[in-house]
Amino acid sequence: MGMVLRVCVVGMAFLVGGCSSHPPLPETWEGLPLYPQSVLDAVYLRPDANLGKYTEVLLETATVEFDREWPRAANGRPLSNDPEEIIADIHELYSRSFSEALQSGGTLKLVSSPGPYALRLSTAIGEIQVYRQSPEAGRFSTAMGTAYSPAGAGVYVGDMVLDSTLTDSITGATVVRLVQSWSGRDPGTYVYQPAMPYWWHDTAVVFEELAPQFAATLDSLRVATP
């Protein structure tokens, strides 16, 4: 798989869903119209797409772009830490969850090289607000004072956007684009965590929730466009 490492402290203008301050996604994107569905924030599908012919996926390493306000500081101390370590953890969590979800239906298999029946899946994880908890750190600073972290290490996320494109691995033509935002501040996402600020969630759990949504959407598109 191609390894891509890109660290940018920027914003992504297409965030939808949980943050109403961002404009809605356009009706078309690079010639691909919106496809009606109710699982993800948006799906753009090539009008003449034949997704049913693809049986393989070449999963690329995701790019990671931090929110422009990262690292978010509270009480003079940053919540976030080493970006390289955070990105390495996110790469591992993304790869594991999406690999499992894409192959769970038994009709797709992961490959490491292009082929006539392979889609290349490229994902940009943007607007991410995240911090990494090391095993020895028992507490961290928040706007509400000092909070005590759960036992063990982990990567905790507050907001992010997943923007995935699937292209023909031979021709490079874009077949479908999938977009989904996620926010720990959304009412449906909020979970009371006495040891954590309310919007931080275990990134592994979030990816385990989002990956099956992407996989299910892709499976339904493959059935709808044989």
C-alpha atoms as a PDB file:
ATOM      1  CA  MET A   1       0.000   0.000   0.000  1.00  0.00           C
ATOM      2  CA  GLY A   2       1.132   3.551  -0.622  1.00  0.00           C
ATOM      3  CA  MET A   3       2.214   5.305   2.543  1.00  0.00           C
ATOM      4  CA  VAL A   4       1.195   8.935   2.733  1.00  0.00           C
ATOM      5  CA  LEU A   5       2.027  11.268   5.597  1.00  0.00           C
ATOM      6  CA  ARG A   6       0.709  14.792   5.445  1.00  0.00           C
ATOM      7  CA  VAL A   7       0.290  17.065   8.478  1.00  0.00           C
ATOM      8  CA  CYS A   8      -1.563  20.314   7.915  1.00  0.00           C
ATOM      9  CA  VAL A   9      -3.154  22.628  10.447  1.00  0.00           C
ATOM     10  CA  VAL A  10      -6.007  23.643   8.194  1.00  0.00           C
ATOM     11  CA  GLY A  11      -9.773  23.553   7.965  1.00  0.00           C
ATOM     12  CA  MET A  12     -11.898  21.681   5.444  1.00  0.00           C
ATOM     13  CA  ALA A  13     -14.726  23.746   4.019  1.00  0.00           C
ATOM     14  CA  PHE A  14     -17.003  20.821   3.278  1.00  0.00           C
ATOM     15  CA  LEU A  15     -17.801  19.722   6.836  1.00  0.00           C
ATOM     16  CA  VAL A  16     -21.493  18.984   7.231  1.00  0.00           C
ATOM     17  CA  GLY A  17     -23.772  17.249   9.689  1.00  0.00           C
ATOM     18  CA  GLY A  18     -22.670  18.036  13.221  1.00  0.00           C
ATOM     19  CA  CYS A  19     -21.402  21.593  12.584  1.00  0.00           C
ATOM     20  CA  SER A  20     -24.052  23.812  11.040  1.00  0.00           C
ATOM     21  CA  SER A  21     -21.576  26.690  10.587  1.00  0.00           C
ATOM     22  CA  HIS A  22     -20.184  24.995   7.495  1.00  0.00           C
ATOM     23  CA  PRO A  23     -21.970  25.247   4.150  1.00  0.00           C
ATOM     24  CA  PRO A  24     -23.739  22.177   2.792  1.00  0.00           C
ATOM     25  CA  LEU A  25     -22.040  20.028   0.210  1.00  0.00           C
ATOM     26  CA  PRO A  26     -22.757  20.956  -3.427  1.00  0.00           C
ATOM     27  CA  GLU A  27     -25.211  19.056  -5.610  1.00  0.00           C
ATOM     28  CA  THR A  28     -22.379  17.893  -7.852  1.00  0.00           C
ATOM     29  CA  TRP A  29     -18.664  17.317  -7.353  1.00  0.00           C
ATOM     30  CA  GLU A  30     -16.285  17.078 -10.313  1.00  0.00           C
ATOM     31  CA  GLY A  31     -19.136  15.961 -12.540  1.00  0.00           C
ATOM     32  CA  LEU A  32     -20.497  13.413 -10.052  1.00  0.00           C
ATOM     33  CA  PRO A  33     -24.059  14.100  -8.828  1.00  0.00           C
ATOM     34  CA  LEU A  34     -25.286  13.451  -5.307  1.00  0.00           C
ATOM     35  CA  TYR A  35     -26.697   9.951  -4.898  1.00  0.00           C
ATOM     36  CA  PRO A  36     -29.837   9.587  -2.740  1.00  0.00           C
ATOM     37  CA  GLN A  37     -29.134   7.626   0.442  1.00  0.00           C
ATOM     38  CA  SER A  38     -29.550   8.075   4.189  1.00  0.00           C
ATOM     39  CA  VAL A  39     -26.449   6.514   5.782  1.00  0.00           C
ATOM     40  CA  LEU A  40     -23.655   9.030   5.142  1.00  0.00           C
ATOM     41  CA  ASP A  41     -23.620  12.817   4.906  1.00  0.00           C
ATOM     42  CA  ALA A  42     -23.101  12.624   1.150  1.00  0.00           C
ATOM     43  CA  VAL A  43     -22.411  10.165  -1.647  1.00  0.00           C
ATOM     44  CA  TYR A  44     -21.360  11.267  -5.133  1.00  0.00           C
ATOM     45  CA  LEU A  45     -21.679   8.568  -7.801  1.00  0.00           C
ATOM     46  CA  ARG A  46     -20.448   8.525 -11.382  1.00  0.00           C
ATOM     47  CA  PRO A  47     -23.568   8.359 -13.595  1.00  0.00           C
ATOM     48  CA  ASP A  48     -22.257   5.438 -15.681  1.00  0.00           C
ATOM     49  CA  ALA A  49     -20.661   3.642 -12.745  1.00  0.00           C
ATOM     50  CA  ASN A  50     -20.455  -0.148 -12.781  1.00  0.00           C
ATOM     51  CA  LEU A  51     -19.410  -0.842  -9.209  1.00  0.00           C
ATOM     52  CA  GLY A  52     -20.677  -4.398  -9.376  1.00  0.00           C
ATOM     53  CA  LYS A  53     -17.683  -5.492 -11.441  1.00  0.00           C
ATOM     54  CA  TYR A  54     -15.212  -4.620  -8.689  1.00  0.00           C
ATOM     55  CA  THR A  55     -14.319  -7.375  -6.239  1.00  0.00           C
ATOM     56  CA  GLU A  56     -11.090  -5.963  -4.787  1.00  0.00           C
ATOM     57  CA  VAL A  57     -10.027  -2.876  -2.843  1.00  0.00           C
ATOM     58  CA  LEU A  58      -6.590  -1.307  -2.637  1.00  0.00           C
ATOM     59  CA  LEU A  59      -6.726   0.497   0.719  1.00  0.00           C
ATOM     60  CA  GLU A  60      -4.344   3.441   0.860  1.00  0.00           C
ATOM     61  CA  THR A  61      -3.032   5.004   4.039  1.00  0.00           C
ATOM     62  CA  ALA A  62      -5.280   7.901   5.001  1.00  0.00           C
ATOM     63  CA  THR A  63      -4.023  11.467   5.009  1.00  0.00           C
ATOM     64  CA  VAL A  64      -4.586  13.388   8.247  1.00  0.00           C
ATOM     65  CA  GLU A  65      -5.284  17.120   8.491  1.00  0.00           C
ATOM     66  CA  PHE A  66      -5.670  18.652  11.927  1.00  0.00           C
ATOM     67  CA  ASP A  67      -8.261  21.244  12.790  1.00  0.00           C
ATOM     68  CA  ARG A  68      -6.899  24.781  12.489  1.00  0.00           C
ATOM     69  CA  GLU A  69      -7.423  25.239  16.253  1.00  0.00           C
ATOM     70  CA  TRP A  70      -5.312  22.167  17.093  1.00  0.00           C
ATOM     71  CA  PRO A  71      -3.662  21.809  19.534  1.00  0.00           C
ATOM     72  CA  ARG A  72      -6.514  23.065  21.677  1.00  0.00           C
ATOM     73  CA  ALA A  73      -5.103  24.486  24.902  1.00  0.00           C
ATOM     74  CA  ALA A  74      -6.877  24.732  28.215  1.00  0.00           C
ATOM     75  CA  ASN A  75      -5.579  26.318  31.395  1.00  0.00           C
ATOM     76  CA  GLY A  76      -2.312  26.988  29.596  1.00  0.00           C
ATOM     77  CA  ARG A  77      -1.645  23.344  28.727  1.00  0.00           C
ATOM     78  CA  PRO A  78      -2.264  21.661  25.370  1.00  0.00           C
ATOM     79  CA  LEU A  79      -4.650  18.722  25.271  1.00  0.00           C
ATOM     80  CA  SER A  80      -2.915  17.332  22.201  1.00  0.00           C
ATOM     81  CA  ASN A  81       0.675  16.118  21.968  1.00  0.00           C
ATOM     82  CA  ASP A  82       3.171  14.745  19.411  1.00  0.00           C
ATOM     83  CA  PRO A  83       1.413  14.925  15.994  1.00  0.00           C
ATOM     84  CA  GLU A  84       3.621  12.216  14.488  1.00  0.00           C
ATOM     85  CA  GLU A  85       2.620   9.735  17.201  1.00  0.00           C
ATOM     86  CA  ILE A  86      -1.034  10.697  16.855  1.00  0.00           C
ATOM     87  CA  ILE A  87      -0.971  10.230  13.076  1.00  0.00           C
ATOM     88  CA  ALA A  88       0.731   6.838  13.406  1.00  0.00           C
ATOM     89  CA  ASP A  89      -1.997   5.711  15.809  1.00  0.00           C
ATOM     90  CA  ILE A  90      -4.767   7.031  13.545  1.00  0.00           C
ATOM     91  CA  HIS A  91      -3.250   5.250  10.533  1.00  0.00           C
ATOM     92  CA  GLU A  92      -3.267   1.958  12.436  1.00  0.00           C
ATOM     93  CA  LEU A  93      -6.822   2.378  13.762  1.00  0.00           C
ATOM     94  CA  TYR A  94      -8.197   3.450  10.377  1.00  0.00           C
ATOM     95  CA  SER A  95      -6.467   0.639   8.486  1.00  0.00           C
ATOM     96  CA  ARG A  96      -7.604  -2.026  10.935  1.00  0.00           C
ATOM     97  CA  SER A  97     -11.245  -0.962  11.172  1.00  0.00           C
ATOM     98  CA  PHE A  98     -11.725  -0.337   7.445  1.00  0.00           C
ATOM     99  CA  SER A  99      -9.922  -3.537   6.442  1.00  0.00           C
ATOM    100  CA  GLU A 100     -12.229  -5.572   8.655  1.00  0.00           C
ATOM    101  CA  ALA A 101     -15.396  -3.748   7.585  1.00  0.00           C
ATOM    102  CA  LEU A 102     -14.696  -3.925   3.844  1.00  0.00           C
ATOM    103  CA  GLN A 103     -14.072  -7.674   3.968  1.00  0.00           C
ATOM    104  CA  SER A 104     -16.857  -8.516   6.415  1.00  0.00           C
ATOM    105  CA  GLY A 105     -19.440  -9.099   3.681  1.00  0.00           C
ATOM    106  CA  GLY A 106     -17.304 -11.709   1.943  1.00  0.00           C
ATOM    107  CA  THR A 107     -17.636 -10.137  -1.516  1.00  0.00           C
ATOM    108  CA  LEU A 108     -14.593  -7.842  -1.401  1.00  0.00           C
ATOM    109  CA  LYS A 109     -10.974  -8.656  -0.695  1.00  0.00           C
ATOM    110  CA  LEU A 110      -8.037  -6.359  -0.002  1.00  0.00           C
ATOM    111  CA  VAL A 111      -5.155  -6.304  -2.476  1.00  0.00           C
ATOM    112  CA  SER A 112      -1.805  -4.539  -2.528  1.00  0.00           C
ATOM    113  CA  SER A 113      -1.516  -3.817  -6.254  1.00  0.00           C
ATOM    114  CA  PRO A 114      -3.775  -2.400  -9.001  1.00  0.00           C
ATOM    115  CA  GLY A 115      -5.919  -4.647 -11.156  1.00  0.00           C
ATOM    116  CA  PRO A 116      -8.885  -4.535 -13.547  1.00  0.00           C
ATOM    117  CA  TYR A 117     -11.321  -5.446 -10.750  1.00  0.00           C
ATOM    118  CA  ALA A 118      -9.761  -3.332  -7.996  1.00  0.00           C
ATOM    119  CA  LEU A 119     -10.906  -0.012  -6.579  1.00  0.00           C
ATOM    120  CA  ARG A 120      -8.391   2.316  -4.955  1.00  0.00           C
ATOM    121  CA  LEU A 121      -9.780   3.734  -1.704  1.00  0.00           C
ATOM    122  CA  SER A 122      -8.200   7.041  -0.656  1.00  0.00           C
ATOM    123  CA  THR A 123      -9.409   8.762   2.508  1.00  0.00           C
ATOM    124  CA  ALA A 124      -8.658  12.217   3.874  1.00  0.00           C
ATOM    125  CA  ILE A 125      -9.355  12.525   7.597  1.00  0.00           C
ATOM    126  CA  GLY A 126      -9.798  16.250   8.154  1.00  0.00           C
ATOM    127  CA  GLU A 127     -10.754  18.848  10.772  1.00  0.00           C
ATOM    128  CA  ILE A 128      -9.622  16.368  13.392  1.00  0.00           C
ATOM    129  CA  GLN A 129      -9.380  17.409  17.040  1.00  0.00           C
ATOM    130  CA  VAL A 130      -7.544  14.709  18.908  1.00  0.00           C
ATOM    131  CA  TYR A 131      -5.090  13.952  21.682  1.00  0.00           C
ATOM    132  CA  ARG A 132      -3.017  10.935  22.618  1.00  0.00           C
ATOM    133  CA  GLN A 133      -3.068   9.533  26.146  1.00  0.00           C
ATOM    134  CA  SER A 134       0.136   7.828  27.267  1.00  0.00           C
ATOM    135  CA  PRO A 135      -0.059   5.006  29.838  1.00  0.00           C
ATOM    136  CA  GLU A 136       1.846   6.877  32.502  1.00  0.00           C
ATOM    137  CA  ALA A 137      -0.256  10.052  32.307  1.00  0.00           C
ATOM    138  CA  GLY A 138      -2.989   9.958  34.901  1.00  0.00           C
ATOM    139  CA  ARG A 139      -4.577  13.306  34.278  1.00  0.00           C
ATOM    140  CA  PHE A 140      -4.755  16.169  31.810  1.00  0.00           C
ATOM    141  CA  SER A 141      -5.896  19.783  31.835  1.00  0.00           C
ATOM    142  CA  THR A 142      -9.298  20.820  30.508  1.00  0.00           C
ATOM    143  CA  ALA A 143     -11.336  23.997  30.424  1.00  0.00           C
ATOM    144  CA  MET A 144     -13.262  22.598  33.386  1.00  0.00           C
ATOM    145  CA  GLY A 145     -10.172  21.913  35.470  1.00  0.00           C
ATOM    146  CA  THR A 146      -8.177  18.732  35.906  1.00  0.00           C
ATOM    147  CA  ALA A 147      -9.717  15.517  34.581  1.00  0.00           C
ATOM    148  CA  TYR A 148      -8.490  12.015  35.194  1.00  0.00           C
ATOM    149  CA  SER A 149      -7.943   9.793  32.200  1.00  0.00           C
ATOM    150  CA  PRO A 150      -9.097   6.196  31.851  1.00  0.00           C
ATOM    151  CA  ALA A 151      -6.507   3.527  32.530  1.00  0.00           C
ATOM    152  CA  GLY A 152      -4.168   2.749  29.650  1.00  0.00           C
ATOM    153  CA  ALA A 153      -3.066   4.518  26.534  1.00  0.00           C
ATOM    154  CA  GLY A 154      -5.326   5.624  23.715  1.00  0.00           C
ATOM    155  CA  VAL A 155      -6.142   8.202  21.089  1.00  0.00           C
ATOM    156  CA  TYR A 156      -9.241  10.285  21.798  1.00  0.00           C
ATOM    157  CA  VAL A 157     -11.097  12.283  19.164  1.00  0.00           C
ATOM    158  CA  GLY A 158     -13.561  15.150  19.468  1.00  0.00           C
ATOM    159  CA  ASP A 159     -14.326  15.982  15.817  1.00  0.00           C
ATOM    160  CA  MET A 160     -13.340  14.803  12.357  1.00  0.00           C
ATOM    161  CA  VAL A 161     -14.478  14.436   8.740  1.00  0.00           C
ATOM    162  CA  LEU A 162     -13.858  11.364   6.596  1.00  0.00           C
ATOM    163  CA  ASP A 163     -13.763  12.119   2.874  1.00  0.00           C
ATOM    164  CA  SER A 164     -13.171   9.006   0.765  1.00  0.00           C
ATOM    165  CA  THR A 165     -12.832   8.623  -2.974  1.00  0.00           C
ATOM    166  CA  LEU A 166     -12.858   5.321  -4.817  1.00  0.00           C
ATOM    167  CA  THR A 167     -11.137   5.298  -8.168  1.00  0.00           C
ATOM    168  CA  ASP A 168     -10.508   2.646 -10.789  1.00  0.00           C
ATOM    169  CA  SER A 169      -7.056   1.375  -9.848  1.00  0.00           C
ATOM    170  CA  ILE A 170      -5.994   1.132 -13.513  1.00  0.00           C
ATOM    171  CA  THR A 171      -7.497   4.211 -15.177  1.00  0.00           C
ATOM    172  CA  GLY A 172      -7.614   6.479 -12.133  1.00  0.00           C
ATOM    173  CA  ALA A 173     -11.179   7.541 -12.951  1.00  0.00           C
ATOM    174  CA  THR A 174     -13.196   8.542  -9.870  1.00  0.00           C
ATOM    175  CA  VAL A 175     -16.184   6.263  -9.410  1.00  0.00           C
ATOM    176  CA  VAL A 176     -17.644   7.356  -6.082  1.00  0.00           C
ATOM    177  CA  ARG A 177     -16.989   9.809  -3.247  1.00  0.00           C
ATOM    178  CA  LEU A 178     -18.201   9.175   0.318  1.00  0.00           C
ATOM    179  CA  VAL A 179     -18.293  11.920   2.969  1.00  0.00           C
ATOM    180  CA  GLN A 180     -19.139  11.625   6.661  1.00  0.00           C
ATOM    181  CA  SER A 181     -18.574  14.045   9.536  1.00  0.00           C
ATOM    182  CA  TRP A 182     -18.409  12.975  13.168  1.00  0.00           C
ATOM    183  CA  SER A 183     -18.572  15.096  16.309  1.00  0.00           C
ATOM    184  CA  GLY A 184     -18.484  14.125  19.956  1.00  0.00           C
ATOM    185  CA  ARG A 185     -20.585  17.224  20.602  1.00  0.00           C
ATOM    186  CA  ASP A 186     -23.596  15.947  18.643  1.00  0.00           C
ATOM    187  CA  PRO A 187     -26.583  15.070  20.875  1.00  0.00           C
ATOM    188  CA  GLY A 188     -26.767  11.556  19.423  1.00  0.00           C
ATOM    189  CA  THR A 189     -23.077  10.970  20.102  1.00  0.00           C
ATOM    190  CA  TYR A 190     -22.780  12.421  23.591  1.00  0.00           C
ATOM    191  CA  VAL A 191     -21.960   9.869  26.264  1.00  0.00           C
ATOM    192  CA  TYR A 192     -21.444  10.842  29.904  1.00  0.00           C
ATOM    193  CA  GLN A 193     -17.870  10.058  30.858  1.00  0.00           C
ATOM    194  CA  PRO A 194     -17.031  11.244  34.378  1.00  0.00           C
ATOM    195  CA  ALA A 195     -13.282  10.824  33.794  1.00  0.00           C
ATOM    196  CA  MET A 196     -13.217  12.705  30.485  1.00  0.00           C
ATOM    197  CA  PRO A 197     -14.468  15.979  28.985  1.00  0.00           C
ATOM    198  CA  TYR A 198     -17.771  14.961  27.439  1.00  0.00           C
ATOM    199  CA  TRP A 199     -16.768  15.358  23.781  1.00  0.00           C
ATOM    200  CA  TRP A 200     -13.707  13.061  23.757  1.00  0.00           C
ATOM    201  CA  HIS A 201     -14.261   9.512  22.525  1.00  0.00           C
ATOM    202  CA  ASP A 202     -11.968   6.541  21.964  1.00  0.00           C
ATOM    203  CA  THR A 203     -10.918   6.819  18.314  1.00  0.00           C
ATOM    204  CA  ALA A 204     -10.869   3.034  17.902  1.00  0.00           C
ATOM    205  CA  VAL A 205     -14.552   2.878  18.881  1.00  0.00           C
ATOM    206  CA  VAL A 206     -15.442   5.759  16.548  1.00  0.00           C
ATOM    207  CA  PHE A 207     -13.743   4.077  13.577  1.00  0.00           C
ATOM    208  CA  GLU A 208     -15.471   0.787  14.461  1.00  0.00           C
ATOM    209  CA  GLU A 209     -18.750   2.693  14.185  1.00  0.00           C
ATOM    210  CA  LEU A 210     -17.962   4.576  10.970  1.00  0.00           C
ATOM    211  CA  ALA A 211     -16.172   1.874   8.956  1.00  0.00           C
ATOM    212  CA  PRO A 212     -19.228  -0.429   8.674  1.00  0.00           C
ATOM    213  CA  GLN A 213     -21.301   2.550   7.459  1.00  0.00           C
ATOM    214  CA  PHE A 214     -18.837   3.165   4.628  1.00  0.00           C
ATOM    215  CA  ALA A 215     -18.649  -0.557   3.820  1.00  0.00           C
ATOM    216  CA  ALA A 216     -22.440  -0.970   3.838  1.00  0.00           C
ATOM    217  CA  THR A 217     -22.847   2.037   1.550  1.00  0.00           C
ATOM    218  CA  LEU A 218     -20.282   0.634  -0.876  1.00  0.00           C
ATOM    219  CA  ASP A 219     -21.977  -2.775  -0.827  1.00  0.00           C
ATOM    220  CA  SER A 220     -25.374  -1.206  -1.592  1.00  0.00           C
ATOM    221  CA  LEU A 221     -23.868   0.772  -4.468  1.00  0.00           C
ATOM    222  CA  ARG A 222     -22.305  -2.372  -5.908  1.00  0.00           C
ATOM    223  CA  VAL A 223     -25.703  -4.047  -5.870  1.00  0.00           C
ATOM    224  CA  ALA A 224     -27.450  -0.998  -7.370  1.00  0.00           C
ATOM    225  CA  THR A 225     -24.907  -0.629 -10.184  1.00  0.00           C
ATOM    226  CA  PRO A 226     -24.115  -4.179 -11.389  1.00  0.00           C
END
